[in-house]
């Protein structure tokens, strides 16, 4: 596998140059070396080196670095948030590029992906046409905790269940039956299992709440949402897939990096599961991005995902303004244990 080392010093110096120029503060790239930079950031060499070699950069550490830069160069204190977001965005972008041509297929990549997305500028969408593999009774329950930590650090996690919805309390279909018995039974179980893994990841996220992170418990709760299909017609065919789309905003460039991934459930008698990046020539990131409409478009504008019916309607309106051919409305219900949404 390719070395995941990045040029952390170069990234930080470029960000310092950008913000000092914005505030008309004299600065030359040549005036700072790594030793001086560590002093500015109030950072030790060991954790700095680990991050340079691909370890996770937390929101808390990025904010500490940002505060150090602001104080050293006498930049306006209001810039702390912007500098922090730029640091996280650029570090994650460079980590992503170091993975692009790697032989990525191991479940270790699940943890690495969540580490890179553990910030407020990232979105992860997953469509469940197959039972979740990270629930308590599934093969890899440990990844619900991994997801919870990322959500608590600011990741927006949108879960999509693309079939009909069955009311768990009454056991009745919310829409007329339209599938043969075995297929319908699978969708019933899928409905229940996806709701279960949503609750487990939300629980893990709230357990990882840190009052010093700047992210409130309410925000953490709003960072993960389960969207269930709200249409009477059957959408598509086929079971078994778990399709992921990881999105990261690059603060400086105003771009969004889109990475499609898939979790394949392997026969446990022969091998472990596979988590693999999808060839974007086969499935372009933009196409997958739009398949999660209008949630993805709402995130682009608001840096949040819709958490109630009113916000979903606003998302529909935003997308209609962006694409006049878009006519679908109210295609999702929101399932939540929080009745206050």
C-alpha atoms as a PDB file:
ATOM      1  CA  UNK A   1       0.000   0.000   0.000  1.00  0.00           C
ATOM      2  CA  UNK A   2       1.174   3.497  -0.783  1.00  0.00           C
ATOM      3  CA  UNK A   3       2.770   5.612   1.954  1.00  0.00           C
ATOM      4  CA  UNK A   4       0.160   7.958   3.473  1.00  0.00           C
ATOM      5  CA  UNK A   5       2.643  10.656   4.481  1.00  0.00           C
ATOM      6  CA  UNK A   6       1.592  14.226   3.696  1.00  0.00           C
ATOM      7  CA  UNK A   7       3.420  17.567   3.662  1.00  0.00           C
ATOM      8  CA  UNK A   8       1.790  18.975   6.805  1.00  0.00           C
ATOM      9  CA  UNK A   9       4.248  21.869   7.177  1.00  0.00           C
ATOM     10  CA  UNK A  10       3.648  22.962   3.587  1.00  0.00           C
ATOM     11  CA  UNK A  11      -0.127  22.796   4.062  1.00  0.00           C
ATOM     12  CA  UNK A  12      -0.030  24.946   7.204  1.00  0.00           C
ATOM     13  CA  UNK A  13       2.326  27.530   5.717  1.00  0.00           C
ATOM     14  CA  UNK A  14       0.057  27.886   2.675  1.00  0.00           C
ATOM     15  CA  UNK A  15      -2.943  28.462   4.954  1.00  0.00           C
ATOM     16  CA  UNK A  16      -1.001  31.041   6.999  1.00  0.00           C
ATOM     17  CA  UNK A  17      -0.036  32.825   3.790  1.00  0.00           C
ATOM     18  CA  UNK A  18      -3.680  32.881   2.637  1.00  0.00           C
ATOM     19  CA  UNK A  19      -5.046  34.374   5.863  1.00  0.00           C
ATOM     20  CA  UNK A  20      -2.231  36.865   6.472  1.00  0.00           C
ATOM     21  CA  UNK A  21      -2.742  38.125   2.919  1.00  0.00           C
ATOM     22  CA  UNK A  22      -6.494  38.410   3.574  1.00  0.00           C
ATOM     23  CA  UNK A  23      -5.810  40.606   6.635  1.00  0.00           C
ATOM     24  CA  UNK A  24      -2.946  42.548   4.996  1.00  0.00           C
ATOM     25  CA  UNK A  25      -0.319  41.186   7.397  1.00  0.00           C
ATOM     26  CA  UNK A  26       3.268  40.886   6.067  1.00  0.00           C
ATOM     27  CA  UNK A  27       4.388  37.282   5.731  1.00  0.00           C
ATOM     28  CA  UNK A  28       7.014  35.335   3.807  1.00  0.00           C
ATOM     29  CA  UNK A  29       7.008  31.550   3.427  1.00  0.00           C
ATOM     30  CA  UNK A  30      10.738  31.516   4.020  1.00  0.00           C
ATOM     31  CA  UNK A  31      10.471  33.040   7.492  1.00  0.00           C
ATOM     32  CA  UNK A  32       9.046  29.889   9.147  1.00  0.00           C
ATOM     33  CA  UNK A  33      10.613  26.470   9.473  1.00  0.00           C
ATOM     34  CA  UNK A  34       9.149  23.412  11.180  1.00  0.00           C
ATOM     35  CA  UNK A  35      10.659  24.269  14.593  1.00  0.00           C
ATOM     36  CA  UNK A  36       9.159  27.779  14.589  1.00  0.00           C
ATOM     37  CA  UNK A  37       5.856  26.415  13.321  1.00  0.00           C
ATOM     38  CA  UNK A  38       5.592  23.998  16.231  1.00  0.00           C
ATOM     39  CA  UNK A  39       6.089  26.896  18.634  1.00  0.00           C
ATOM     40  CA  UNK A  40       3.359  28.911  16.906  1.00  0.00           C
ATOM     41  CA  UNK A  41       0.959  25.955  17.078  1.00  0.00           C
ATOM     42  CA  UNK A  42       1.889  25.125  20.704  1.00  0.00           C
ATOM     43  CA  UNK A  43       2.429  21.558  19.509  1.00  0.00           C
ATOM     44  CA  UNK A  44       4.916  18.809  20.330  1.00  0.00           C
ATOM     45  CA  UNK A  45       6.982  17.161  17.614  1.00  0.00           C
ATOM     46  CA  UNK A  46       5.659  13.628  18.243  1.00  0.00           C
ATOM     47  CA  UNK A  47       1.909  14.155  17.592  1.00  0.00           C
ATOM     48  CA  UNK A  48       2.755  16.531  14.731  1.00  0.00           C
ATOM     49  CA  UNK A  49       4.835  13.787  13.111  1.00  0.00           C
ATOM     50  CA  UNK A  50       2.049  11.217  13.559  1.00  0.00           C
ATOM     51  CA  UNK A  51      -0.435  13.471  11.765  1.00  0.00           C
ATOM     52  CA  UNK A  52       2.121  14.131   9.033  1.00  0.00           C
ATOM     53  CA  UNK A  53       2.294  10.352   8.576  1.00  0.00           C
ATOM     54  CA  UNK A  54      -1.472   9.941   8.204  1.00  0.00           C
ATOM     55  CA  UNK A  55      -2.889   9.879  11.760  1.00  0.00           C
ATOM     56  CA  UNK A  56      -6.216  11.555  12.504  1.00  0.00           C
ATOM     57  CA  UNK A  57      -6.321  15.335  12.975  1.00  0.00           C
ATOM     58  CA  UNK A  58      -9.067  16.103  15.501  1.00  0.00           C
ATOM     59  CA  UNK A  59     -11.269  19.193  15.417  1.00  0.00           C
ATOM     60  CA  UNK A  60      -9.978  20.112  18.898  1.00  0.00           C
ATOM     61  CA  UNK A  61      -6.326  20.020  17.786  1.00  0.00           C
ATOM     62  CA  UNK A  62      -7.085  21.987  14.592  1.00  0.00           C
ATOM     63  CA  UNK A  63      -8.738  24.698  16.688  1.00  0.00           C
ATOM     64  CA  UNK A  64      -5.714  24.844  18.995  1.00  0.00           C
ATOM     65  CA  UNK A  65      -3.435  25.288  16.003  1.00  0.00           C
ATOM     66  CA  UNK A  66      -5.748  27.920  14.537  1.00  0.00           C
ATOM     67  CA  UNK A  67      -5.764  29.887  17.804  1.00  0.00           C
ATOM     68  CA  UNK A  68      -1.968  29.757  17.876  1.00  0.00           C
ATOM     69  CA  UNK A  69      -1.740  31.126  14.331  1.00  0.00           C
ATOM     70  CA  UNK A  70      -4.220  33.913  15.036  1.00  0.00           C
ATOM     71  CA  UNK A  71      -2.429  34.998  18.210  1.00  0.00           C
ATOM     72  CA  UNK A  72       1.076  34.863  16.718  1.00  0.00           C
ATOM     73  CA  UNK A  73       0.261  36.887  13.601  1.00  0.00           C
ATOM     74  CA  UNK A  74      -2.293  39.203  15.277  1.00  0.00           C
ATOM     75  CA  UNK A  75      -5.050  38.085  12.930  1.00  0.00           C
ATOM     76  CA  UNK A  76      -8.613  38.982  13.874  1.00  0.00           C
ATOM     77  CA  UNK A  77     -10.016  36.453  16.383  1.00  0.00           C
ATOM     78  CA  UNK A  78     -13.040  35.899  14.138  1.00  0.00           C
ATOM     79  CA  UNK A  79     -10.730  34.023  11.757  1.00  0.00           C
ATOM     80  CA  UNK A  80     -10.126  31.144  14.202  1.00  0.00           C
ATOM     81  CA  UNK A  81     -13.024  29.074  12.841  1.00  0.00           C
ATOM     82  CA  UNK A  82     -12.141  29.675   9.196  1.00  0.00           C
ATOM     83  CA  UNK A  83      -8.486  28.774   9.699  1.00  0.00           C
ATOM     84  CA  UNK A  84      -9.454  25.650  11.649  1.00  0.00           C
ATOM     85  CA  UNK A  85     -11.812  24.510   8.876  1.00  0.00           C
ATOM     86  CA  UNK A  86      -9.155  25.178   6.234  1.00  0.00           C
ATOM     87  CA  UNK A  87      -6.594  23.101   8.149  1.00  0.00           C
ATOM     88  CA  UNK A  88      -8.971  20.133   8.493  1.00  0.00           C
ATOM     89  CA  UNK A  89     -10.119  20.372   4.885  1.00  0.00           C
ATOM     90  CA  UNK A  90      -6.621  20.548   3.372  1.00  0.00           C
ATOM     91  CA  UNK A  91      -5.171  17.816   5.596  1.00  0.00           C
ATOM     92  CA  UNK A  92      -8.059  15.489   4.738  1.00  0.00           C
ATOM     93  CA  UNK A  93      -7.734  16.300   1.035  1.00  0.00           C
ATOM     94  CA  UNK A  94      -4.039  15.409   1.058  1.00  0.00           C
ATOM     95  CA  UNK A  95      -4.732  12.202   2.979  1.00  0.00           C
ATOM     96  CA  UNK A  96      -7.378  11.288   0.418  1.00  0.00           C
ATOM     97  CA  UNK A  97      -5.017  11.906  -2.489  1.00  0.00           C
ATOM     98  CA  UNK A  98      -2.426   9.668  -0.835  1.00  0.00           C
ATOM     99  CA  UNK A  99      -5.038   6.862  -0.926  1.00  0.00           C
ATOM    100  CA  UNK A 100      -6.188   7.342  -4.515  1.00  0.00           C
ATOM    101  CA  UNK A 101      -3.955   4.742  -6.146  1.00  0.00           C
ATOM    102  CA  UNK A 102      -3.681   2.420  -3.167  1.00  0.00           C
ATOM    103  CA  UNK A 103      -4.883  -1.179  -3.105  1.00  0.00           C
ATOM    104  CA  UNK A 104      -7.918  -0.353  -0.979  1.00  0.00           C
ATOM    105  CA  UNK A 105     -10.151  -3.249  -0.010  1.00  0.00           C
ATOM    106  CA  UNK A 106      -9.569  -4.034   3.671  1.00  0.00           C
ATOM    107  CA  UNK A 107     -12.045  -3.212   6.437  1.00  0.00           C
ATOM    108  CA  UNK A 108      -9.216  -1.173   7.974  1.00  0.00           C
ATOM    109  CA  UNK A 109     -10.221   1.421   5.387  1.00  0.00           C
ATOM    110  CA  UNK A 110     -13.542   1.910   7.200  1.00  0.00           C
ATOM    111  CA  UNK A 111     -11.736   3.344  10.219  1.00  0.00           C
ATOM    112  CA  UNK A 112      -9.399   5.411   8.039  1.00  0.00           C
ATOM    113  CA  UNK A 113     -12.343   6.857   6.122  1.00  0.00           C
ATOM    114  CA  UNK A 114     -14.233   7.812   9.289  1.00  0.00           C
ATOM    115  CA  UNK A 115     -11.061   9.378  10.703  1.00  0.00           C
ATOM    116  CA  UNK A 116     -10.719  11.581   7.615  1.00  0.00           C
ATOM    117  CA  UNK A 117     -14.405  12.534   7.784  1.00  0.00           C
ATOM    118  CA  UNK A 118     -14.345  13.414  11.498  1.00  0.00           C
ATOM    119  CA  UNK A 119     -14.972  17.132  10.987  1.00  0.00           C
ATOM    120  CA  UNK A 120     -17.903  19.522  10.388  1.00  0.00           C
ATOM    121  CA  UNK A 121     -17.109  19.910   6.657  1.00  0.00           C
ATOM    122  CA  UNK A 122     -17.773  16.287   5.736  1.00  0.00           C
ATOM    123  CA  UNK A 123     -20.846  14.293   4.736  1.00  0.00           C
ATOM    124  CA  UNK A 124     -21.272  10.533   4.473  1.00  0.00           C
ATOM    125  CA  UNK A 125     -24.302   9.059   2.705  1.00  0.00           C
ATOM    126  CA  UNK A 126     -25.039   5.332   2.769  1.00  0.00           C
ATOM    127  CA  UNK A 127     -27.850   3.488   0.999  1.00  0.00           C
ATOM    128  CA  UNK A 128     -28.861   0.198   2.614  1.00  0.00           C
ATOM    129  CA  UNK A 129     -30.154  -2.370   0.131  1.00  0.00           C
ATOM    130  CA  UNK A 130     -28.561  -4.987   2.364  1.00  0.00           C
ATOM    131  CA  UNK A 131     -28.632  -5.520   6.111  1.00  0.00           C
ATOM    132  CA  UNK A 132     -26.171  -3.332   8.047  1.00  0.00           C
ATOM    133  CA  UNK A 133     -22.887  -5.017   8.959  1.00  0.00           C
ATOM    134  CA  UNK A 134     -22.130  -2.716  11.911  1.00  0.00           C
ATOM    135  CA  UNK A 135     -25.171  -3.396  14.114  1.00  0.00           C
ATOM    136  CA  UNK A 136     -24.856  -5.183  17.453  1.00  0.00           C
ATOM    137  CA  UNK A 137     -25.985  -8.550  16.125  1.00  0.00           C
ATOM    138  CA  UNK A 138     -24.096  -8.268  12.818  1.00  0.00           C
ATOM    139  CA  UNK A 139     -20.569  -9.299  11.914  1.00  0.00           C
ATOM    140  CA  UNK A 140     -18.767  -6.040  12.746  1.00  0.00           C
ATOM    141  CA  UNK A 141     -20.567  -4.143  15.551  1.00  0.00           C
ATOM    142  CA  UNK A 142     -17.319  -2.337  16.440  1.00  0.00           C
ATOM    143  CA  UNK A 143     -17.803   0.028  13.510  1.00  0.00           C
ATOM    144  CA  UNK A 144     -20.910   1.588  15.061  1.00  0.00           C
ATOM    145  CA  UNK A 145     -18.571   3.011  17.703  1.00  0.00           C
ATOM    146  CA  UNK A 146     -16.152   4.208  14.999  1.00  0.00           C
ATOM    147  CA  UNK A 147     -19.045   5.982  13.259  1.00  0.00           C
ATOM    148  CA  UNK A 148     -20.250   7.460  16.565  1.00  0.00           C
ATOM    149  CA  UNK A 149     -16.876   9.091  17.245  1.00  0.00           C
ATOM    150  CA  UNK A 150     -16.863  10.689  13.791  1.00  0.00           C
ATOM    151  CA  UNK A 151     -20.430  11.969  14.204  1.00  0.00           C
ATOM    152  CA  UNK A 152     -19.515  13.477  17.585  1.00  0.00           C
ATOM    153  CA  UNK A 153     -16.608  15.259  15.847  1.00  0.00           C
ATOM    154  CA  UNK A 154     -18.936  16.923  13.338  1.00  0.00           C
ATOM    155  CA  UNK A 155     -19.475  14.414  10.496  1.00  0.00           C
ATOM    156  CA  UNK A 156     -22.954  14.604   8.932  1.00  0.00           C
ATOM    157  CA  UNK A 157     -24.105  10.990   8.443  1.00  0.00           C
ATOM    158  CA  UNK A 158     -27.170  10.437   6.225  1.00  0.00           C
ATOM    159  CA  UNK A 159     -28.599   6.907   6.146  1.00  0.00           C
ATOM    160  CA  UNK A 160     -30.996   5.998   3.313  1.00  0.00           C
ATOM    161  CA  UNK A 161     -33.442   3.087   3.250  1.00  0.00           C
ATOM    162  CA  UNK A 162     -34.732   3.060  -0.338  1.00  0.00           C
ATOM    163  CA  UNK A 163     -37.744   0.754  -0.036  1.00  0.00           C
ATOM    164  CA  UNK A 164     -41.164   1.153   1.544  1.00  0.00           C
ATOM    165  CA  UNK A 165     -41.623   1.861   5.254  1.00  0.00           C
ATOM    166  CA  UNK A 166     -43.347  -0.483   7.681  1.00  0.00           C
ATOM    167  CA  UNK A 167     -44.621   0.829  11.009  1.00  0.00           C
ATOM    168  CA  UNK A 168     -42.745  -1.115  13.677  1.00  0.00           C
ATOM    169  CA  UNK A 169     -45.365  -0.354  16.345  1.00  0.00           C
ATOM    170  CA  UNK A 170     -48.383  -1.670  14.405  1.00  0.00           C
ATOM    171  CA  UNK A 171     -46.613  -4.007  11.996  1.00  0.00           C
ATOM    172  CA  UNK A 172     -48.648  -2.518   9.137  1.00  0.00           C
ATOM    173  CA  UNK A 173     -47.327  -1.310   5.802  1.00  0.00           C
ATOM    174  CA  UNK A 174     -47.393   2.429   5.296  1.00  0.00           C
ATOM    175  CA  UNK A 175     -47.897   1.685   1.602  1.00  0.00           C
ATOM    176  CA  UNK A 176     -49.834  -1.059  -0.221  1.00  0.00           C
ATOM    177  CA  UNK A 177     -47.978  -4.386  -0.615  1.00  0.00           C
ATOM    178  CA  UNK A 178     -46.361  -4.776  -4.011  1.00  0.00           C
ATOM    179  CA  UNK A 179     -43.733  -7.520  -3.652  1.00  0.00           C
ATOM    180  CA  UNK A 180     -43.785 -11.340  -3.391  1.00  0.00           C
ATOM    181  CA  UNK A 181     -43.667 -12.783   0.118  1.00  0.00           C
ATOM    182  CA  UNK A 182     -39.944 -13.548   0.513  1.00  0.00           C
ATOM    183  CA  UNK A 183     -38.804 -10.240  -0.968  1.00  0.00           C
ATOM    184  CA  UNK A 184     -41.255  -8.363   1.224  1.00  0.00           C
ATOM    185  CA  UNK A 185     -40.052 -10.250   4.321  1.00  0.00           C
ATOM    186  CA  UNK A 186     -36.466  -9.254   3.520  1.00  0.00           C
ATOM    187  CA  UNK A 187     -37.481  -5.593   3.221  1.00  0.00           C
ATOM    188  CA  UNK A 188     -39.349  -5.795   6.533  1.00  0.00           C
ATOM    189  CA  UNK A 189     -36.203  -7.064   8.239  1.00  0.00           C
ATOM    190  CA  UNK A 190     -34.060  -4.511   6.405  1.00  0.00           C
ATOM    191  CA  UNK A 191     -36.364  -1.753   7.649  1.00  0.00           C
ATOM    192  CA  UNK A 192     -35.984  -2.930  11.246  1.00  0.00           C
ATOM    193  CA  UNK A 193     -32.225  -3.503  11.071  1.00  0.00           C
ATOM    194  CA  UNK A 194     -31.438  -0.114   9.510  1.00  0.00           C
ATOM    195  CA  UNK A 195     -33.499   1.614  12.202  1.00  0.00           C
ATOM    196  CA  UNK A 196     -31.601  -0.391  14.785  1.00  0.00           C
ATOM    197  CA  UNK A 197     -28.132   0.533  13.518  1.00  0.00           C
ATOM    198  CA  UNK A 198     -29.228   4.190  13.315  1.00  0.00           C
ATOM    199  CA  UNK A 199     -30.149   4.116  17.011  1.00  0.00           C
ATOM    200  CA  UNK A 200     -26.896   2.359  17.921  1.00  0.00           C
ATOM    201  CA  UNK A 201     -24.711   4.861  16.051  1.00  0.00           C
ATOM    202  CA  UNK A 202     -26.641   7.783  17.554  1.00  0.00           C
ATOM    203  CA  UNK A 203     -26.108   6.268  21.006  1.00  0.00           C
ATOM    204  CA  UNK A 204     -22.381   5.895  20.289  1.00  0.00           C
ATOM    205  CA  UNK A 205     -22.165   9.484  19.052  1.00  0.00           C
ATOM    206  CA  UNK A 206     -23.816  10.907  22.181  1.00  0.00           C
ATOM    207  CA  UNK A 207     -21.548   8.760  24.347  1.00  0.00           C
ATOM    208  CA  UNK A 208     -18.577  10.490  22.703  1.00  0.00           C
ATOM    209  CA  UNK A 209     -19.896  13.998  23.401  1.00  0.00           C
ATOM    210  CA  UNK A 210     -17.077  16.320  24.495  1.00  0.00           C
ATOM    211  CA  UNK A 211     -18.154  19.629  26.024  1.00  0.00           C
ATOM    212  CA  UNK A 212     -14.832  21.182  24.934  1.00  0.00           C
ATOM    213  CA  UNK A 213     -15.263  20.289  21.266  1.00  0.00           C
ATOM    214  CA  UNK A 214     -17.589  23.185  20.448  1.00  0.00           C
ATOM    215  CA  UNK A 215     -20.239  20.723  19.196  1.00  0.00           C
ATOM    216  CA  UNK A 216     -23.383  20.538  21.343  1.00  0.00           C
ATOM    217  CA  UNK A 217     -25.338  17.380  22.160  1.00  0.00           C
ATOM    218  CA  UNK A 218     -28.229  18.722  20.093  1.00  0.00           C
ATOM    219  CA  UNK A 219     -25.941  19.203  17.087  1.00  0.00           C
ATOM    220  CA  UNK A 220     -24.558  15.680  17.496  1.00  0.00           C
ATOM    221  CA  UNK A 221     -28.111  14.348  17.473  1.00  0.00           C
ATOM    222  CA  UNK A 222     -28.808  16.301  14.284  1.00  0.00           C
ATOM    223  CA  UNK A 223     -25.605  15.046  12.638  1.00  0.00           C
ATOM    224  CA  UNK A 224     -27.126  11.611  11.963  1.00  0.00           C
ATOM    225  CA  UNK A 225     -30.451  11.182  10.166  1.00  0.00           C
ATOM    226  CA  UNK A 226     -32.242   8.149   8.731  1.00  0.00           C
ATOM    227  CA  UNK A 227     -34.254   8.832   5.566  1.00  0.00           C
ATOM    228  CA  UNK A 228     -36.863   6.237   4.561  1.00  0.00           C
ATOM    229  CA  UNK A 229     -38.498   6.097   1.131  1.00  0.00           C
ATOM    230  CA  UNK A 230     -41.925   7.735   1.004  1.00  0.00           C
ATOM    231  CA  UNK A 231     -43.425   6.531  -2.267  1.00  0.00           C
ATOM    232  CA  UNK A 232     -45.968   3.904  -3.173  1.00  0.00           C
ATOM    233  CA  UNK A 233     -44.167   2.757  -6.294  1.00  0.00           C
ATOM    234  CA  UNK A 234     -41.323   0.258  -5.960  1.00  0.00           C
ATOM    235  CA  UNK A 235     -37.952   1.897  -6.674  1.00  0.00           C
ATOM    236  CA  UNK A 236     -35.501  -0.351  -8.454  1.00  0.00           C
ATOM    237  CA  UNK A 237     -34.637  -3.966  -7.793  1.00  0.00           C
ATOM    238  CA  UNK A 238     -31.933  -5.912  -6.064  1.00  0.00           C
ATOM    239  CA  UNK A 239     -30.813  -6.494  -2.491  1.00  0.00           C
ATOM    240  CA  UNK A 240     -27.483  -6.849  -0.735  1.00  0.00           C
ATOM    241  CA  UNK A 241     -25.504  -3.692  -1.438  1.00  0.00           C
ATOM    242  CA  UNK A 242     -24.308  -1.017   0.980  1.00  0.00           C
ATOM    243  CA  UNK A 243     -23.262   1.987  -1.097  1.00  0.00           C
ATOM    244  CA  UNK A 244     -21.311   4.837   0.550  1.00  0.00           C
ATOM    245  CA  UNK A 245     -20.592   8.336  -0.710  1.00  0.00           C
ATOM    246  CA  UNK A 246     -18.011  10.359   1.241  1.00  0.00           C
ATOM    247  CA  UNK A 247     -18.031  14.119   0.601  1.00  0.00           C
ATOM    248  CA  UNK A 248     -15.520  16.663   1.896  1.00  0.00           C
ATOM    249  CA  UNK A 249     -15.588  20.418   1.339  1.00  0.00           C
ATOM    250  CA  UNK A 250     -12.279  22.056   0.507  1.00  0.00           C
ATOM    251  CA  UNK A 251     -12.599  25.430   2.205  1.00  0.00           C
ATOM    252  CA  UNK A 252      -9.924  27.219   0.179  1.00  0.00           C
ATOM    253  CA  UNK A 253     -10.830  25.938  -3.279  1.00  0.00           C
ATOM    254  CA  UNK A 254     -14.604  25.884  -2.817  1.00  0.00           C
ATOM    255  CA  UNK A 255     -14.689  22.322  -4.161  1.00  0.00           C
ATOM    256  CA  UNK A 256     -16.305  19.116  -2.933  1.00  0.00           C
ATOM    257  CA  UNK A 257     -14.385  15.870  -3.091  1.00  0.00           C
ATOM    258  CA  UNK A 258     -16.737  12.918  -3.750  1.00  0.00           C
ATOM    259  CA  UNK A 259     -15.593   9.345  -3.040  1.00  0.00           C
ATOM    260  CA  UNK A 260     -17.840   6.327  -3.773  1.00  0.00           C
ATOM    261  CA  UNK A 261     -17.271   3.215  -1.659  1.00  0.00           C
ATOM    262  CA  UNK A 262     -19.020  -0.119  -1.200  1.00  0.00           C
ATOM    263  CA  UNK A 263     -19.152  -2.552   1.713  1.00  0.00           C
ATOM    264  CA  UNK A 264     -19.433  -6.118   0.409  1.00  0.00           C
ATOM    265  CA  UNK A 265     -20.648  -8.824   2.798  1.00  0.00           C
ATOM    266  CA  UNK A 266     -18.447 -11.869   2.216  1.00  0.00           C
ATOM    267  CA  UNK A 267     -19.242 -15.471   3.065  1.00  0.00           C
ATOM    268  CA  UNK A 268     -17.685 -15.762   6.538  1.00  0.00           C
ATOM    269  CA  UNK A 269     -16.593 -19.345   5.874  1.00  0.00           C
ATOM    270  CA  UNK A 270     -14.137 -18.147   3.225  1.00  0.00           C
ATOM    271  CA  UNK A 271     -13.148 -14.525   3.863  1.00  0.00           C
ATOM    272  CA  UNK A 272     -13.864 -11.333   5.733  1.00  0.00           C
ATOM    273  CA  UNK A 273     -16.018  -8.506   4.404  1.00  0.00           C
ATOM    274  CA  UNK A 274     -14.574  -6.108   1.834  1.00  0.00           C
ATOM    275  CA  UNK A 275     -14.705  -2.307   1.913  1.00  0.00           C
ATOM    276  CA  UNK A 276     -13.567  -0.946  -1.414  1.00  0.00           C
ATOM    277  CA  UNK A 277     -13.379   2.306  -3.323  1.00  0.00           C
ATOM    278  CA  UNK A 278     -15.501   2.221  -6.485  1.00  0.00           C
ATOM    279  CA  UNK A 279     -14.037   3.045  -9.881  1.00  0.00           C
ATOM    280  CA  UNK A 280     -15.370   6.524 -10.678  1.00  0.00           C
ATOM    281  CA  UNK A 281     -15.214   5.765 -14.398  1.00  0.00           C
ATOM    282  CA  UNK A 282     -17.838   3.134 -13.659  1.00  0.00           C
ATOM    283  CA  UNK A 283     -19.819   5.212 -11.139  1.00  0.00           C
ATOM    284  CA  UNK A 284     -19.055   8.961 -11.290  1.00  0.00           C
ATOM    285  CA  UNK A 285     -19.144  10.724  -7.925  1.00  0.00           C
ATOM    286  CA  UNK A 286     -21.495  13.423  -9.236  1.00  0.00           C
ATOM    287  CA  UNK A 287     -24.077  10.851 -10.320  1.00  0.00           C
ATOM    288  CA  UNK A 288     -24.040   9.149  -6.925  1.00  0.00           C
ATOM    289  CA  UNK A 289     -24.134  12.568  -5.232  1.00  0.00           C
ATOM    290  CA  UNK A 290     -27.330  13.475  -7.080  1.00  0.00           C
ATOM    291  CA  UNK A 291     -28.906  10.097  -6.337  1.00  0.00           C
ATOM    292  CA  UNK A 292     -29.090  11.236  -2.698  1.00  0.00           C
ATOM    293  CA  UNK A 293     -31.013  14.385  -3.627  1.00  0.00           C
ATOM    294  CA  UNK A 294     -32.199  16.625  -2.170  1.00  0.00           C
ATOM    295  CA  UNK A 295     -30.248  15.915   1.044  1.00  0.00           C
ATOM    296  CA  UNK A 296     -26.844  16.420  -0.582  1.00  0.00           C
ATOM    297  CA  UNK A 297     -27.833  19.746  -2.128  1.00  0.00           C
ATOM    298  CA  UNK A 298     -29.158  21.005   1.220  1.00  0.00           C
ATOM    299  CA  UNK A 299     -25.789  20.104   2.799  1.00  0.00           C
ATOM    300  CA  UNK A 300     -23.871  22.074   0.159  1.00  0.00           C
ATOM    301  CA  UNK A 301     -25.777  25.258   1.067  1.00  0.00           C
ATOM    302  CA  UNK A 302     -26.241  24.806   4.832  1.00  0.00           C
ATOM    303  CA  UNK A 303     -23.392  22.488   5.893  1.00  0.00           C
ATOM    304  CA  UNK A 304     -26.093  20.466   7.680  1.00  0.00           C
ATOM    305  CA  UNK A 305     -28.566  17.778   6.642  1.00  0.00           C
ATOM    306  CA  UNK A 306     -32.373  18.107   6.899  1.00  0.00           C
ATOM    307  CA  UNK A 307     -33.695  16.909  10.259  1.00  0.00           C
ATOM    308  CA  UNK A 308     -37.427  17.547   9.830  1.00  0.00           C
ATOM    309  CA  UNK A 309     -40.169  17.808   7.190  1.00  0.00           C
ATOM    310  CA  UNK A 310     -39.856  21.582   6.874  1.00  0.00           C
ATOM    311  CA  UNK A 311     -36.141  21.349   6.080  1.00  0.00           C
ATOM    312  CA  UNK A 312     -36.778  18.548   3.572  1.00  0.00           C
ATOM    313  CA  UNK A 313     -39.278  20.809   1.794  1.00  0.00           C
ATOM    314  CA  UNK A 314     -36.676  23.576   1.780  1.00  0.00           C
ATOM    315  CA  UNK A 315     -34.179  21.077   0.315  1.00  0.00           C
ATOM    316  CA  UNK A 316     -36.624  20.253  -2.493  1.00  0.00           C
ATOM    317  CA  UNK A 317     -37.013  23.958  -3.214  1.00  0.00           C
ATOM    318  CA  UNK A 318     -33.228  24.529  -3.279  1.00  0.00           C
ATOM    319  CA  UNK A 319     -32.735  21.698  -5.734  1.00  0.00           C
ATOM    320  CA  UNK A 320     -35.591  22.889  -7.948  1.00  0.00           C
ATOM    321  CA  UNK A 321     -33.889  26.297  -8.184  1.00  0.00           C
ATOM    322  CA  UNK A 322     -30.633  24.562  -9.122  1.00  0.00           C
ATOM    323  CA  UNK A 323     -32.145  22.113 -11.637  1.00  0.00           C
ATOM    324  CA  UNK A 324     -35.406  23.098 -13.326  1.00  0.00           C
ATOM    325  CA  UNK A 325     -35.971  19.493 -14.502  1.00  0.00           C
ATOM    326  CA  UNK A 326     -36.135  18.229 -10.912  1.00  0.00           C
ATOM    327  CA  UNK A 327     -39.785  17.494 -10.083  1.00  0.00           C
ATOM    328  CA  UNK A 328     -39.676  14.899  -7.263  1.00  0.00           C
ATOM    329  CA  UNK A 329     -40.952  16.110  -3.910  1.00  0.00           C
ATOM    330  CA  UNK A 330     -41.506  14.561  -0.486  1.00  0.00           C
ATOM    331  CA  UNK A 331     -39.756  11.329  -1.434  1.00  0.00           C
ATOM    332  CA  UNK A 332     -38.320  10.766   2.059  1.00  0.00           C
ATOM    333  CA  UNK A 333     -39.679  10.277   5.556  1.00  0.00           C
ATOM    334  CA  UNK A 334     -37.393  10.931   8.524  1.00  0.00           C
ATOM    335  CA  UNK A 335     -37.195   8.225  11.165  1.00  0.00           C
ATOM    336  CA  UNK A 336     -36.001   9.471  14.520  1.00  0.00           C
ATOM    337  CA  UNK A 337     -36.120   8.599  18.180  1.00  0.00           C
ATOM    338  CA  UNK A 338     -36.154  12.355  18.881  1.00  0.00           C
ATOM    339  CA  UNK A 339     -39.767  13.518  18.678  1.00  0.00           C
ATOM    340  CA  UNK A 340     -38.685  17.172  19.036  1.00  0.00           C
ATOM    341  CA  UNK A 341     -37.332  17.373  15.498  1.00  0.00           C
END
